[in-house]
Full PDB file with SEQRES, HELIX, SHEET, SSBOND, CRYST1, ORIGX, SCALE, CONECT and MASTER records, all heavy atoms in Angstrom:
SEQRES   1 A   43  LEU ASP ASN ILE GLU VAL ILE LYS MET GLY THR THR VAL          
SEQRES   2 A   43  ALA THR ASN ALA LEU LEU GLU ARG LYS GLY GLU ARG THR          
SEQRES   3 A   43  VAL LEU LEU ILE THR LYS GLY PHE LYS ASP ALA LEU ARG          
SEQRES   4 A   43  ILE GLY TYR GLN                                              
HELIX    1 AA1 VAL A   13  GLU A   20  1                                   8    
HELIX    2 AA2 ALA A   37  ILE A   40  1                                   4    
CRYST1    1.000    1.000    1.000  90.00  90.00  90.00 P 1           1          
ORIGX1      1.000000  0.000000  0.000000        0.00000                         
ORIGX2      0.000000  1.000000  0.000000        0.00000                         
ORIGX3      0.000000  0.000000  1.000000        0.00000                         
SCALE1      1.000000  0.000000  0.000000        0.00000                         
SCALE2      0.000000  1.000000  0.000000        0.00000                         
SCALE3      0.000000  0.000000  1.000000        0.00000                         
ATOM      1  N   LEU A   1      78.449 -41.981  -2.708  1.00  0.00           N  
ATOM      2  CA  LEU A   1      76.961 -41.972  -2.795  1.00  0.00           C  
ATOM      3  C   LEU A   1      76.410 -40.772  -3.443  1.00  0.00           C  
ATOM      4  O   LEU A   1      75.182 -40.521  -3.299  1.00  0.00           O  
ATOM      5  CB  LEU A   1      76.410 -42.035  -1.342  1.00  0.00           C  
ATOM      6  CG  LEU A   1      76.852 -43.291  -0.523  1.00  0.00           C  
ATOM      7  CD1 LEU A   1      76.202 -43.303   0.885  1.00  0.00           C  
ATOM      8  CD2 LEU A   1      76.322 -44.613  -1.226  1.00  0.00           C  
ATOM      9  N   ASP A   2      77.306 -40.037  -4.178  1.00  0.00           N  
ATOM     10  CA  ASP A   2      76.739 -38.880  -4.858  1.00  0.00           C  
ATOM     11  C   ASP A   2      76.438 -39.103  -6.221  1.00  0.00           C  
ATOM     12  O   ASP A   2      76.799 -40.117  -6.856  1.00  0.00           O  
ATOM     13  CB  ASP A   2      77.911 -37.818  -4.826  1.00  0.00           C  
ATOM     14  CG  ASP A   2      78.426 -37.412  -3.378  1.00  0.00           C  
ATOM     15  OD1 ASP A   2      77.506 -37.423  -2.606  1.00  0.00           O  
ATOM     16  OD2 ASP A   2      79.554 -37.224  -3.245  1.00  0.00           O  
ATOM     17  N   ASN A   3      75.690 -38.164  -6.873  1.00  0.00           N  
ATOM     18  CA  ASN A   3      75.324 -38.247  -8.344  1.00  0.00           C  
ATOM     19  C   ASN A   3      74.573 -39.477  -8.734  1.00  0.00           C  
ATOM     20  O   ASN A   3      74.677 -40.068  -9.660  1.00  0.00           O  
ATOM     21  CB  ASN A   3      76.519 -38.163  -9.243  1.00  0.00           C  
ATOM     22  CG  ASN A   3      77.287 -36.846  -8.976  1.00  0.00           C  
ATOM     23  OD1 ASN A   3      76.671 -35.773  -8.941  1.00  0.00           O  
ATOM     24  ND2 ASN A   3      78.628 -36.897  -8.998  1.00  0.00           N  
ATOM     25  N   ILE A   4      73.732 -39.951  -7.739  1.00  0.00           N  
ATOM     26  CA  ILE A   4      72.773 -41.085  -7.928  1.00  0.00           C  
ATOM     27  C   ILE A   4      71.390 -40.596  -8.271  1.00  0.00           C  
ATOM     28  O   ILE A   4      70.914 -39.969  -7.460  1.00  0.00           O  
ATOM     29  CB  ILE A   4      72.805 -42.150  -6.817  1.00  0.00           C  
ATOM     30  CG1 ILE A   4      74.234 -42.651  -6.552  1.00  0.00           C  
ATOM     31  CG2 ILE A   4      71.798 -43.210  -7.168  1.00  0.00           C  
ATOM     32  CD1 ILE A   4      74.338 -43.418  -5.292  1.00  0.00           C  
ATOM     33  N   GLU A   5      70.950 -40.803  -9.550  1.00  0.00           N  
ATOM     34  CA  GLU A   5      69.504 -40.327  -9.811  1.00  0.00           C  
ATOM     35  C   GLU A   5      68.405 -41.010  -9.216  1.00  0.00           C  
ATOM     36  O   GLU A   5      67.519 -40.417  -8.612  1.00  0.00           O  
ATOM     37  CB  GLU A   5      69.415 -40.436 -11.321  1.00  0.00           C  
ATOM     38  CG  GLU A   5      68.072 -39.784 -11.862  1.00  0.00           C  
ATOM     39  CD  GLU A   5      68.016 -40.140 -13.386  1.00  0.00           C  
ATOM     40  OE1 GLU A   5      68.970 -40.326 -14.134  1.00  0.00           O  
ATOM     41  OE2 GLU A   5      66.841 -39.900 -13.968  1.00  0.00           O  
ATOM     42  N   VAL A   6      68.549 -42.433  -9.231  1.00  0.00           N  
ATOM     43  CA  VAL A   6      67.323 -43.090  -8.697  1.00  0.00           C  
ATOM     44  C   VAL A   6      67.859 -44.493  -8.222  1.00  0.00           C  
ATOM     45  O   VAL A   6      68.780 -45.083  -8.738  1.00  0.00           O  
ATOM     46  CB  VAL A   6      66.276 -43.293  -9.763  1.00  0.00           C  
ATOM     47  CG1 VAL A   6      66.763 -44.128 -10.855  1.00  0.00           C  
ATOM     48  CG2 VAL A   6      64.968 -43.853  -9.172  1.00  0.00           C  
ATOM     49  N   ILE A   7      67.193 -44.933  -7.222  1.00  0.00           N  
ATOM     50  CA  ILE A   7      67.431 -46.450  -6.667  1.00  0.00           C  
ATOM     51  C   ILE A   7      66.026 -47.011  -6.557  1.00  0.00           C  
ATOM     52  O   ILE A   7      65.159 -46.520  -5.865  1.00  0.00           O  
ATOM     53  CB  ILE A   7      68.187 -46.525  -5.311  1.00  0.00           C  
ATOM     54  CG1 ILE A   7      69.469 -45.830  -5.428  1.00  0.00           C  
ATOM     55  CG2 ILE A   7      68.195 -47.867  -4.843  1.00  0.00           C  
ATOM     56  CD1 ILE A   7      70.258 -45.742  -4.135  1.00  0.00           C  
ATOM     57  N   LYS A   8      65.880 -48.108  -7.292  1.00  0.00           N  
ATOM     58  CA  LYS A   8      64.566 -48.877  -7.246  1.00  0.00           C  
ATOM     59  C   LYS A   8      65.028 -50.259  -6.611  1.00  0.00           C  
ATOM     60  O   LYS A   8      65.837 -50.874  -7.034  1.00  0.00           O  
ATOM     61  CB  LYS A   8      64.079 -49.034  -8.608  1.00  0.00           C  
ATOM     62  CG  LYS A   8      63.563 -47.815  -9.207  1.00  0.00           C  
ATOM     63  CD  LYS A   8      62.897 -47.919 -10.596  1.00  0.00           C  
ATOM     64  CE  LYS A   8      62.635 -46.529 -11.215  1.00  0.00           C  
ATOM     65  NZ  LYS A   8      62.051 -46.673 -12.517  1.00  0.00           N  
ATOM     66  N   MET A   9      64.207 -50.544  -5.483  1.00  0.00           N  
ATOM     67  CA  MET A   9      64.611 -51.644  -4.801  1.00  0.00           C  
ATOM     68  C   MET A   9      63.507 -52.563  -4.362  1.00  0.00           C  
ATOM     69  O   MET A   9      62.483 -52.190  -3.901  1.00  0.00           O  
ATOM     70  CB  MET A   9      65.354 -50.990  -3.543  1.00  0.00           C  
ATOM     71  CG  MET A   9      66.058 -52.008  -2.548  1.00  0.00           C  
ATOM     72  SD  MET A   9      66.911 -51.019  -1.392  1.00  0.00           S  
ATOM     73  CE  MET A   9      67.149 -52.177  -0.126  1.00  0.00           C  
ATOM     74  N   GLY A  10      63.789 -53.847  -4.294  1.00  0.00           N  
ATOM     75  CA  GLY A  10      62.956 -54.840  -3.651  1.00  0.00           C  
ATOM     76  C   GLY A  10      63.656 -55.480  -2.472  1.00  0.00           C  
ATOM     77  O   GLY A  10      64.935 -55.640  -2.544  1.00  0.00           O  
ATOM     78  N   THR A  11      62.987 -55.814  -1.440  1.00  0.00           N  
ATOM     79  CA  THR A  11      63.553 -56.252  -0.328  1.00  0.00           C  
ATOM     80  C   THR A  11      62.774 -57.447   0.325  1.00  0.00           C  
ATOM     81  O   THR A  11      61.549 -57.323   0.350  1.00  0.00           O  
ATOM     82  CB  THR A  11      63.833 -55.230   0.837  1.00  0.00           C  
ATOM     83  OG1 THR A  11      64.423 -55.913   1.991  1.00  0.00           O  
ATOM     84  CG2 THR A  11      62.688 -54.355   1.180  1.00  0.00           C  
ATOM     85  N   THR A  12      63.396 -58.434   0.871  1.00  0.00           N  
ATOM     86  CA  THR A  12      62.734 -59.496   1.595  1.00  0.00           C  
ATOM     87  C   THR A  12      63.051 -59.236   3.142  1.00  0.00           C  
ATOM     88  O   THR A  12      62.857 -60.292   3.937  1.00  0.00           O  
ATOM     89  CB  THR A  12      63.233 -60.918   1.182  1.00  0.00           C  
ATOM     90  OG1 THR A  12      64.724 -60.892   1.351  1.00  0.00           O  
ATOM     91  CG2 THR A  12      62.977 -61.149  -0.330  1.00  0.00           C  
ATOM     92  N   VAL A  13      63.277 -58.103   3.664  1.00  0.00           N  
ATOM     93  CA  VAL A  13      63.502 -57.895   4.968  1.00  0.00           C  
ATOM     94  C   VAL A  13      62.254 -58.224   5.748  1.00  0.00           C  
ATOM     95  O   VAL A  13      62.338 -58.975   6.836  1.00  0.00           O  
ATOM     96  CB  VAL A  13      63.938 -56.460   5.352  1.00  0.00           C  
ATOM     97  CG1 VAL A  13      63.896 -56.106   6.765  1.00  0.00           C  
ATOM     98  CG2 VAL A  13      65.287 -56.146   4.742  1.00  0.00           C  
ATOM     99  N   ALA A  14      61.116 -57.778   5.421  1.00  0.00           N  
ATOM    100  CA  ALA A  14      59.871 -58.238   6.029  1.00  0.00           C  
ATOM    101  C   ALA A  14      59.478 -59.482   5.861  1.00  0.00           C  
ATOM    102  O   ALA A  14      58.988 -60.156   6.732  1.00  0.00           O  
ATOM    103  CB  ALA A  14      58.832 -57.114   5.681  1.00  0.00           C  
ATOM    104  N   THR A  15      59.579 -60.110   4.604  1.00  0.00           N  
ATOM    105  CA  THR A  15      59.234 -61.272   4.204  1.00  0.00           C  
ATOM    106  C   THR A  15      59.924 -62.411   5.248  1.00  0.00           C  
ATOM    107  O   THR A  15      59.294 -63.275   5.774  1.00  0.00           O  
ATOM    108  CB  THR A  15      59.587 -61.762   2.834  1.00  0.00           C  
ATOM    109  OG1 THR A  15      59.182 -60.581   2.056  1.00  0.00           O  
ATOM    110  CG2 THR A  15      58.918 -62.944   2.329  1.00  0.00           C  
ATOM    111  N   ASN A  16      61.233 -62.154   5.340  1.00  0.00           N  
ATOM    112  CA  ASN A  16      62.066 -63.079   6.132  1.00  0.00           C  
ATOM    113  C   ASN A  16      61.730 -62.993   7.657  1.00  0.00           C  
ATOM    114  O   ASN A  16      61.703 -63.984   8.313  1.00  0.00           O  
ATOM    115  CB  ASN A  16      63.547 -62.903   5.910  1.00  0.00           C  
ATOM    116  CG  ASN A  16      63.999 -63.119   4.455  1.00  0.00           C  
ATOM    117  OD1 ASN A  16      63.144 -63.859   3.782  1.00  0.00           O  
ATOM    118  ND2 ASN A  16      65.049 -62.549   4.101  1.00  0.00           N  
ATOM    119  N   ALA A  17      61.428 -61.783   8.159  1.00  0.00           N  
ATOM    120  CA  ALA A  17      61.064 -61.519   9.488  1.00  0.00           C  
ATOM    121  C   ALA A  17      59.807 -62.337   9.740  1.00  0.00           C  
ATOM    122  O   ALA A  17      59.563 -62.897  10.852  1.00  0.00           O  
ATOM    123  CB  ALA A  17      60.882 -60.025   9.808  1.00  0.00           C  
ATOM    124  N   LEU A  18      58.741 -62.283   8.840  1.00  0.00           N  
ATOM    125  CA  LEU A  18      57.592 -63.078   9.036  1.00  0.00           C  
ATOM    126  C   LEU A  18      57.803 -64.513   8.836  1.00  0.00           C  
ATOM    127  O   LEU A  18      57.210 -65.236   9.799  1.00  0.00           O  
ATOM    128  CB  LEU A  18      56.626 -62.606   7.904  1.00  0.00           C  
ATOM    129  CG  LEU A  18      55.211 -63.201   8.077  1.00  0.00           C  
ATOM    130  CD1 LEU A  18      54.422 -62.631   9.352  1.00  0.00           C  
ATOM    131  CD2 LEU A  18      54.296 -62.786   6.951  1.00  0.00           C  
ATOM    132  N   LEU A  19      58.474 -65.013   7.966  1.00  0.00           N  
ATOM    133  CA  LEU A  19      58.746 -66.547   7.835  1.00  0.00           C  
ATOM    134  C   LEU A  19      59.481 -67.013   9.163  1.00  0.00           C  
ATOM    135  O   LEU A  19      59.214 -68.145   9.534  1.00  0.00           O  
ATOM    136  CB  LEU A  19      59.614 -66.760   6.547  1.00  0.00           C  
ATOM    137  CG  LEU A  19      58.955 -66.544   5.251  1.00  0.00           C  
ATOM    138  CD1 LEU A  19      59.885 -66.643   4.105  1.00  0.00           C  
ATOM    139  CD2 LEU A  19      57.729 -67.501   5.059  1.00  0.00           C  
ATOM    140  N   GLU A  20      60.439 -66.376   9.678  1.00  0.00           N  
ATOM    141  CA  GLU A  20      61.182 -66.794  10.788  1.00  0.00           C  
ATOM    142  C   GLU A  20      60.648 -66.314  12.081  1.00  0.00           C  
ATOM    143  O   GLU A  20      61.258 -66.693  13.207  1.00  0.00           O  
ATOM    144  CB  GLU A  20      62.612 -66.395  10.545  1.00  0.00           C  
ATOM    145  CG  GLU A  20      63.289 -66.941   9.342  1.00  0.00           C  
ATOM    146  CD  GLU A  20      64.767 -66.376   9.193  1.00  0.00           C  
ATOM    147  OE1 GLU A  20      65.598 -66.772  10.030  1.00  0.00           O  
ATOM    148  OE2 GLU A  20      65.053 -65.756   8.201  1.00  0.00           O  
ATOM    149  N   ARG A  21      59.564 -65.566  12.023  1.00  0.00           N  
ATOM    150  CA  ARG A  21      58.952 -64.992  13.221  1.00  0.00           C  
ATOM    151  C   ARG A  21      59.931 -64.193  14.062  1.00  0.00           C  
ATOM    152  O   ARG A  21      60.126 -64.463  15.238  1.00  0.00           O  
ATOM    153  CB  ARG A  21      58.415 -66.077  14.076  1.00  0.00           C  
ATOM    154  CG  ARG A  21      57.243 -66.912  13.587  1.00  0.00           C  
ATOM    155  CD  ARG A  21      55.964 -65.901  13.280  1.00  0.00           C  
ATOM    156  NE  ARG A  21      54.797 -66.615  12.933  1.00  0.00           N  
ATOM    157  CZ  ARG A  21      54.373 -66.898  11.698  1.00  0.00           C  
ATOM    158  NH1 ARG A  21      55.027 -66.471  10.673  1.00  0.00           N  
ATOM    159  NH2 ARG A  21      53.164 -67.554  11.547  1.00  0.00           N  
ATOM    160  N   LYS A  22      60.576 -63.227  13.345  1.00  0.00           N  
ATOM    161  CA  LYS A  22      61.571 -62.364  14.006  1.00  0.00           C  
ATOM    162  C   LYS A  22      61.226 -60.831  13.892  1.00  0.00           C  
ATOM    163  O   LYS A  22      61.991 -60.056  13.756  1.00  0.00           O  
ATOM    164  CB  LYS A  22      62.893 -62.648  13.450  1.00  0.00           C  
ATOM    165  CG  LYS A  22      63.563 -63.978  13.649  1.00  0.00           C  
ATOM    166  CD  LYS A  22      64.858 -64.131  13.107  1.00  0.00           C  
ATOM    167  CE  LYS A  22      65.544 -65.569  13.449  1.00  0.00           C  
ATOM    168  NZ  LYS A  22      66.852 -65.681  12.792  1.00  0.00           N  
ATOM    169  N   GLY A  23      59.762 -60.680  14.073  1.00  0.00           N  
ATOM    170  CA  GLY A  23      59.346 -59.243  13.906  1.00  0.00           C  
ATOM    171  C   GLY A  23      59.468 -58.549  15.402  1.00  0.00           C  
ATOM    172  O   GLY A  23      60.105 -59.106  16.195  1.00  0.00           O  
ATOM    173  N   GLU A  24      58.819 -57.415  15.401  1.00  0.00           N  
ATOM    174  CA  GLU A  24      58.923 -56.741  16.649  1.00  0.00           C  
ATOM    175  C   GLU A  24      57.879 -57.246  17.732  1.00  0.00           C  
ATOM    176  O   GLU A  24      56.752 -57.673  17.385  1.00  0.00           O  
ATOM    177  CB  GLU A  24      58.367 -55.150  16.391  1.00  0.00           C  
ATOM    178  CG  GLU A  24      58.650 -54.259  17.514  1.00  0.00           C  
ATOM    179  CD  GLU A  24      60.190 -53.678  17.536  1.00  0.00           C  
ATOM    180  OE1 GLU A  24      60.894 -54.239  16.690  1.00  0.00           O  
ATOM    181  OE2 GLU A  24      60.440 -52.795  18.212  1.00  0.00           O  
ATOM    182  N   ARG A  25      58.244 -57.151  18.958  1.00  0.00           N  
ATOM    183  CA  ARG A  25      57.269 -57.623  19.964  1.00  0.00           C  
ATOM    184  C   ARG A  25      56.079 -56.559  19.981  1.00  0.00           C  
ATOM    185  O   ARG A  25      56.225 -55.470  20.090  1.00  0.00           O  
ATOM    186  CB  ARG A  25      58.013 -57.645  21.432  1.00  0.00           C  
ATOM    187  CG  ARG A  25      59.162 -58.486  21.586  1.00  0.00           C  
ATOM    188  CD  ARG A  25      59.891 -58.351  22.860  1.00  0.00           C  
ATOM    189  NE  ARG A  25      58.942 -58.802  24.059  1.00  0.00           N  
ATOM    190  CZ  ARG A  25      59.259 -58.473  25.202  1.00  0.00           C  
ATOM    191  NH1 ARG A  25      60.344 -57.811  25.586  1.00  0.00           N  
ATOM    192  NH2 ARG A  25      58.381 -58.870  26.242  1.00  0.00           N  
ATOM    193  N   THR A  26      54.945 -57.164  20.053  1.00  0.00           N  
ATOM    194  CA  THR A  26      53.701 -56.499  19.739  1.00  0.00           C  
ATOM    195  C   THR A  26      52.621 -56.793  20.849  1.00  0.00           C  
ATOM    196  O   THR A  26      52.414 -57.928  21.265  1.00  0.00           O  
ATOM    197  CB  THR A  26      53.138 -56.767  18.430  1.00  0.00           C  
ATOM    198  OG1 THR A  26      54.132 -56.354  17.406  1.00  0.00           O  
ATOM    199  CG2 THR A  26      51.891 -56.003  18.051  1.00  0.00           C  
ATOM    200  N   VAL A  27      51.970 -55.815  21.155  1.00  0.00           N  
ATOM    201  CA  VAL A  27      50.666 -56.016  22.012  1.00  0.00           C  
ATOM    202  C   VAL A  27      49.469 -55.653  21.180  1.00  0.00           C  
ATOM    203  O   VAL A  27      49.559 -54.637  20.444  1.00  0.00           O  
ATOM    204  CB  VAL A  27      50.761 -55.073  23.312  1.00  0.00           C  
ATOM    205  CG1 VAL A  27      50.962 -53.642  23.037  1.00  0.00           C  
ATOM    206  CG2 VAL A  27      49.502 -55.283  24.217  1.00  0.00           C  
ATOM    207  N   LEU A  28      48.395 -56.288  21.412  1.00  0.00           N  
ATOM    208  CA  LEU A  28      47.191 -56.052  20.659  1.00  0.00           C  
ATOM    209  C   LEU A  28      46.135 -55.431  21.648  1.00  0.00           C  
ATOM    210  O   LEU A  28      45.872 -55.949  22.688  1.00  0.00           O  
ATOM    211  CB  LEU A  28      46.534 -57.392  20.086  1.00  0.00           C  
ATOM    212  CG  LEU A  28      45.203 -57.279  19.532  1.00  0.00           C  
ATOM    213  CD1 LEU A  28      45.101 -56.415  18.323  1.00  0.00           C  
ATOM    214  CD2 LEU A  28      44.623 -58.656  19.217  1.00  0.00           C  
ATOM    215  N   LEU A  29      45.656 -54.269  21.284  1.00  0.00           N  
ATOM    216  CA  LEU A  29      44.481 -53.707  21.995  1.00  0.00           C  
ATOM    217  C   LEU A  29      43.236 -53.864  21.154  1.00  0.00           C  
ATOM    218  O   LEU A  29      43.103 -53.377  20.042  1.00  0.00           O  
ATOM    219  CB  LEU A  29      44.764 -52.160  22.222  1.00  0.00           C  
ATOM    220  CG  LEU A  29      45.630 -51.818  23.430  1.00  0.00           C  
ATOM    221  CD1 LEU A  29      47.047 -52.168  23.148  1.00  0.00           C  
ATOM    222  CD2 LEU A  29      45.469 -50.351  23.796  1.00  0.00           C  
ATOM    223  N   ILE A  30      42.283 -54.562  21.839  1.00  0.00           N  
ATOM    224  CA  ILE A  30      41.073 -54.822  20.995  1.00  0.00           C  
ATOM    225  C   ILE A  30      39.711 -54.704  21.899  1.00  0.00           C  
ATOM    226  O   ILE A  30      39.823 -54.654  23.142  1.00  0.00           O  
ATOM    227  CB  ILE A  30      41.065 -56.308  20.523  1.00  0.00           C  
ATOM    228  CG1 ILE A  30      39.975 -56.594  19.396  1.00  0.00           C  
ATOM    229  CG2 ILE A  30      40.906 -57.328  21.676  1.00  0.00           C  
ATOM    230  CD1 ILE A  30      40.275 -57.783  18.760  1.00  0.00           C  
ATOM    231  N   THR A  31      38.587 -54.403  21.412  1.00  0.00           N  
ATOM    232  CA  THR A  31      37.359 -54.115  22.082  1.00  0.00           C  
ATOM    233  C   THR A  31      37.083 -55.282  23.044  1.00  0.00           C  
ATOM    234  O   THR A  31      37.331 -56.538  22.757  1.00  0.00           O  
ATOM    235  CB  THR A  31      36.207 -54.085  21.137  1.00  0.00           C  
ATOM    236  OG1 THR A  31      36.479 -52.967  20.200  1.00  0.00           O  
ATOM    237  CG2 THR A  31      34.976 -53.692  21.768  1.00  0.00           C  
ATOM    238  N   LYS A  32      36.697 -54.895  24.178  1.00  0.00           N  
ATOM    239  CA  LYS A  32      36.425 -55.926  25.238  1.00  0.00           C  
ATOM    240  C   LYS A  32      35.402 -56.982  24.760  1.00  0.00           C  
ATOM    241  O   LYS A  32      34.361 -56.537  24.191  1.00  0.00           O  
ATOM    242  CB  LYS A  32      36.005 -55.292  26.572  1.00  0.00           C  
ATOM    243  CG  LYS A  32      35.770 -56.235  27.747  1.00  0.00           C  
ATOM    244  CD  LYS A  32      35.509 -55.465  29.042  1.00  0.00           C  
ATOM    245  CE  LYS A  32      35.336 -56.541  30.164  1.00  0.00           C  
ATOM    246  NZ  LYS A  32      35.095 -55.674  31.459  1.00  0.00           N  
ATOM    247  N   GLY A  33      35.621 -58.276  25.054  1.00  0.00           N  
ATOM    248  CA  GLY A  33      34.812 -59.313  24.506  1.00  0.00           C  
ATOM    249  C   GLY A  33      35.286 -60.038  23.413  1.00  0.00           C  
ATOM    250  O   GLY A  33      34.796 -61.108  22.950  1.00  0.00           O  
ATOM    251  N   PHE A  34      36.325 -59.320  22.660  1.00  0.00           N  
ATOM    252  CA  PHE A  34      36.825 -59.978  21.510  1.00  0.00           C  
ATOM    253  C   PHE A  34      38.419 -60.324  21.581  1.00  0.00           C  
ATOM    254  O   PHE A  34      39.099 -60.481  20.608  1.00  0.00           O  
ATOM    255  CB  PHE A  34      36.647 -58.951  20.339  1.00  0.00           C  
ATOM    256  CG  PHE A  34      35.250 -58.671  19.986  1.00  0.00           C  
ATOM    257  CD1 PHE A  34      34.485 -57.739  20.609  1.00  0.00           C  
ATOM    258  CD2 PHE A  34      34.557 -59.418  18.999  1.00  0.00           C  
ATOM    259  CE1 PHE A  34      33.140 -57.400  20.470  1.00  0.00           C  
ATOM    260  CE2 PHE A  34      33.180 -59.132  18.770  1.00  0.00           C  
ATOM    261  CZ  PHE A  34      32.571 -58.234  19.466  1.00  0.00           C  
ATOM    262  N   LYS A  35      38.714 -60.635  22.835  1.00  0.00           N  
ATOM    263  CA  LYS A  35      40.182 -60.933  23.040  1.00  0.00           C  
ATOM    264  C   LYS A  35      40.683 -62.144  22.155  1.00  0.00           C  
ATOM    265  O   LYS A  35      41.811 -61.960  21.635  1.00  0.00           O  
ATOM    266  CB  LYS A  35      40.267 -61.324  24.520  1.00  0.00           C  
ATOM    267  CG  LYS A  35      41.769 -61.809  24.954  1.00  0.00           C  
ATOM    268  CD  LYS A  35      41.886 -62.193  26.333  1.00  0.00           C  
ATOM    269  CE  LYS A  35      43.133 -62.644  26.705  1.00  0.00           C  
ATOM    270  NZ  LYS A  35      43.235 -62.900  28.171  1.00  0.00           N  
ATOM    271  N   ASP A  36      39.796 -63.144  21.849  1.00  0.00           N  
ATOM    272  CA  ASP A  36      40.270 -64.304  21.011  1.00  0.00           C  
ATOM    273  C   ASP A  36      39.768 -64.193  19.642  1.00  0.00           C  
ATOM    274  O   ASP A  36      39.907 -65.255  18.885  1.00  0.00           O  
ATOM    275  CB  ASP A  36      39.738 -65.498  21.701  1.00  0.00           C  
ATOM    276  CG  ASP A  36      40.429 -65.742  23.102  1.00  0.00           C  
ATOM    277  OD1 ASP A  36      41.649 -65.557  23.260  1.00  0.00           O  
ATOM    278  OD2 ASP A  36      39.584 -66.079  24.081  1.00  0.00           O  
ATOM    279  N   ALA A  37      39.246 -63.006  19.197  1.00  0.00           N  
ATOM    280  CA  ALA A  37      38.663 -62.897  17.879  1.00  0.00           C  
ATOM    281  C   ALA A  37      39.753 -63.275  16.706  1.00  0.00           C  
ATOM    282  O   ALA A  37      39.298 -64.146  15.717  1.00  0.00           O  
ATOM    283  CB  ALA A  37      38.104 -61.627  17.590  1.00  0.00           C  
ATOM    284  N   LEU A  38      40.962 -62.911  16.872  1.00  0.00           N  
ATOM    285  CA  LEU A  38      41.924 -63.024  15.820  1.00  0.00           C  
ATOM    286  C   LEU A  38      42.456 -64.508  15.896  1.00  0.00           C  
ATOM    287  O   LEU A  38      42.921 -65.109  14.869  1.00  0.00           O  
ATOM    288  CB  LEU A  38      42.975 -62.040  15.922  1.00  0.00           C  
ATOM    289  CG  LEU A  38      42.727 -60.597  15.847  1.00  0.00           C  
ATOM    290  CD1 LEU A  38      43.881 -59.739  15.649  1.00  0.00           C  
ATOM    291  CD2 LEU A  38      41.727 -60.300  14.710  1.00  0.00           C  
ATOM    292  N   ARG A  39      42.573 -65.111  17.147  1.00  0.00           N  
ATOM    293  CA  ARG A  39      42.921 -66.444  17.194  1.00  0.00           C  
ATOM    294  C   ARG A  39      41.868 -67.306  16.668  1.00  0.00           C  
ATOM    295  O   ARG A  39      42.207 -68.338  15.863  1.00  0.00           O  
ATOM    296  CB  ARG A  39      43.176 -66.695  18.760  1.00  0.00           C  
ATOM    297  CG  ARG A  39      43.058 -68.243  19.078  1.00  0.00           C  
ATOM    298  CD  ARG A  39      44.154 -69.001  18.284  1.00  0.00           C  
ATOM    299  NE  ARG A  39      45.450 -69.047  18.924  1.00  0.00           N  
ATOM    300  CZ  ARG A  39      46.575 -69.591  18.348  1.00  0.00           C  
ATOM    301  NH1 ARG A  39      46.516 -70.165  17.243  1.00  0.00           N  
ATOM    302  NH2 ARG A  39      47.640 -69.621  19.068  1.00  0.00           N  
ATOM    303  N   ILE A  40      40.618 -67.123  16.859  1.00  0.00           N  
ATOM    304  CA  ILE A  40      39.450 -67.891  16.286  1.00  0.00           C  
ATOM    305  C   ILE A  40      39.415 -67.704  14.840  1.00  0.00           C  
ATOM    306  O   ILE A  40      39.260 -68.723  14.003  1.00  0.00           O  
ATOM    307  CB  ILE A  40      38.173 -67.565  16.999  1.00  0.00           C  
ATOM    308  CG1 ILE A  40      38.241 -67.823  18.474  1.00  0.00           C  
ATOM    309  CG2 ILE A  40      37.098 -68.279  16.372  1.00  0.00           C  
ATOM    310  CD1 ILE A  40      37.067 -67.316  19.159  1.00  0.00           C  
ATOM    311  N   GLY A  41      39.661 -66.482  14.355  1.00  0.00           N  
ATOM    312  CA  GLY A  41      39.564 -66.227  12.956  1.00  0.00           C  
ATOM    313  C   GLY A  41      38.326 -66.668  12.312  1.00  0.00           C  
ATOM    314  O   GLY A  41      37.166 -66.468  12.842  1.00  0.00           O  
ATOM    315  N   TYR A  42      38.381 -67.285  11.244  1.00  0.00           N  
ATOM    316  CA  TYR A  42      37.114 -67.717  10.433  1.00  0.00           C  
ATOM    317  C   TYR A  42      37.055 -69.230  10.606  1.00  0.00           C  
ATOM    318  O   TYR A  42      36.233 -69.843   9.900  1.00  0.00           O  
ATOM    319  CB  TYR A  42      37.248 -67.367   8.964  1.00  0.00           C  
ATOM    320  CG  TYR A  42      37.289 -65.849   8.784  1.00  0.00           C  
ATOM    321  CD1 TYR A  42      38.430 -65.258   8.224  1.00  0.00           C  
ATOM    322  CD2 TYR A  42      36.306 -65.018   9.081  1.00  0.00           C  
ATOM    323  CE1 TYR A  42      38.534 -63.989   8.049  1.00  0.00           C  
ATOM    324  CE2 TYR A  42      36.271 -63.717   8.954  1.00  0.00           C  
ATOM    325  CZ  TYR A  42      37.473 -63.198   8.363  1.00  0.00           C  
ATOM    326  OH  TYR A  42      37.583 -61.776   8.227  1.00  0.00           O  
ATOM    327  N   GLN A  43      37.734 -69.788  11.506  1.00  0.00           N  
ATOM    328  CA  GLN A  43      37.672 -71.316  11.754  1.00  0.00           C  
ATOM    329  C   GLN A  43      37.980 -72.112  10.479  1.00  0.00           C  
ATOM    330  O   GLN A  43      37.433 -73.338  10.326  1.00  0.00           O  
ATOM    331  CB  GLN A  43      36.375 -71.638  12.397  1.00  0.00           C  
ATOM    332  CG  GLN A  43      36.102 -71.018  13.744  1.00  0.00           C  
ATOM    333  CD  GLN A  43      35.016 -71.595  14.448  1.00  0.00           C  
ATOM    334  OE1 GLN A  43      35.000 -72.745  14.839  1.00  0.00           O  
ATOM    335  NE2 GLN A  43      33.902 -70.680  14.725  1.00  0.00           N  
TER     336      GLN A  43                                                      
MASTER        0    0    0    2    0    0    0    6  335    1    0    4          
END                                                                             
């Protein structure tokens, strides 16, 4: 791993995690009264 000038890299690590729904367990904190705002979205 020595004498390497540059590594330019593309990765689908995040893409695949999103497609397969294998991301990190997440909690959403949002202003009171807007609990379902992201679920409703723009309809």
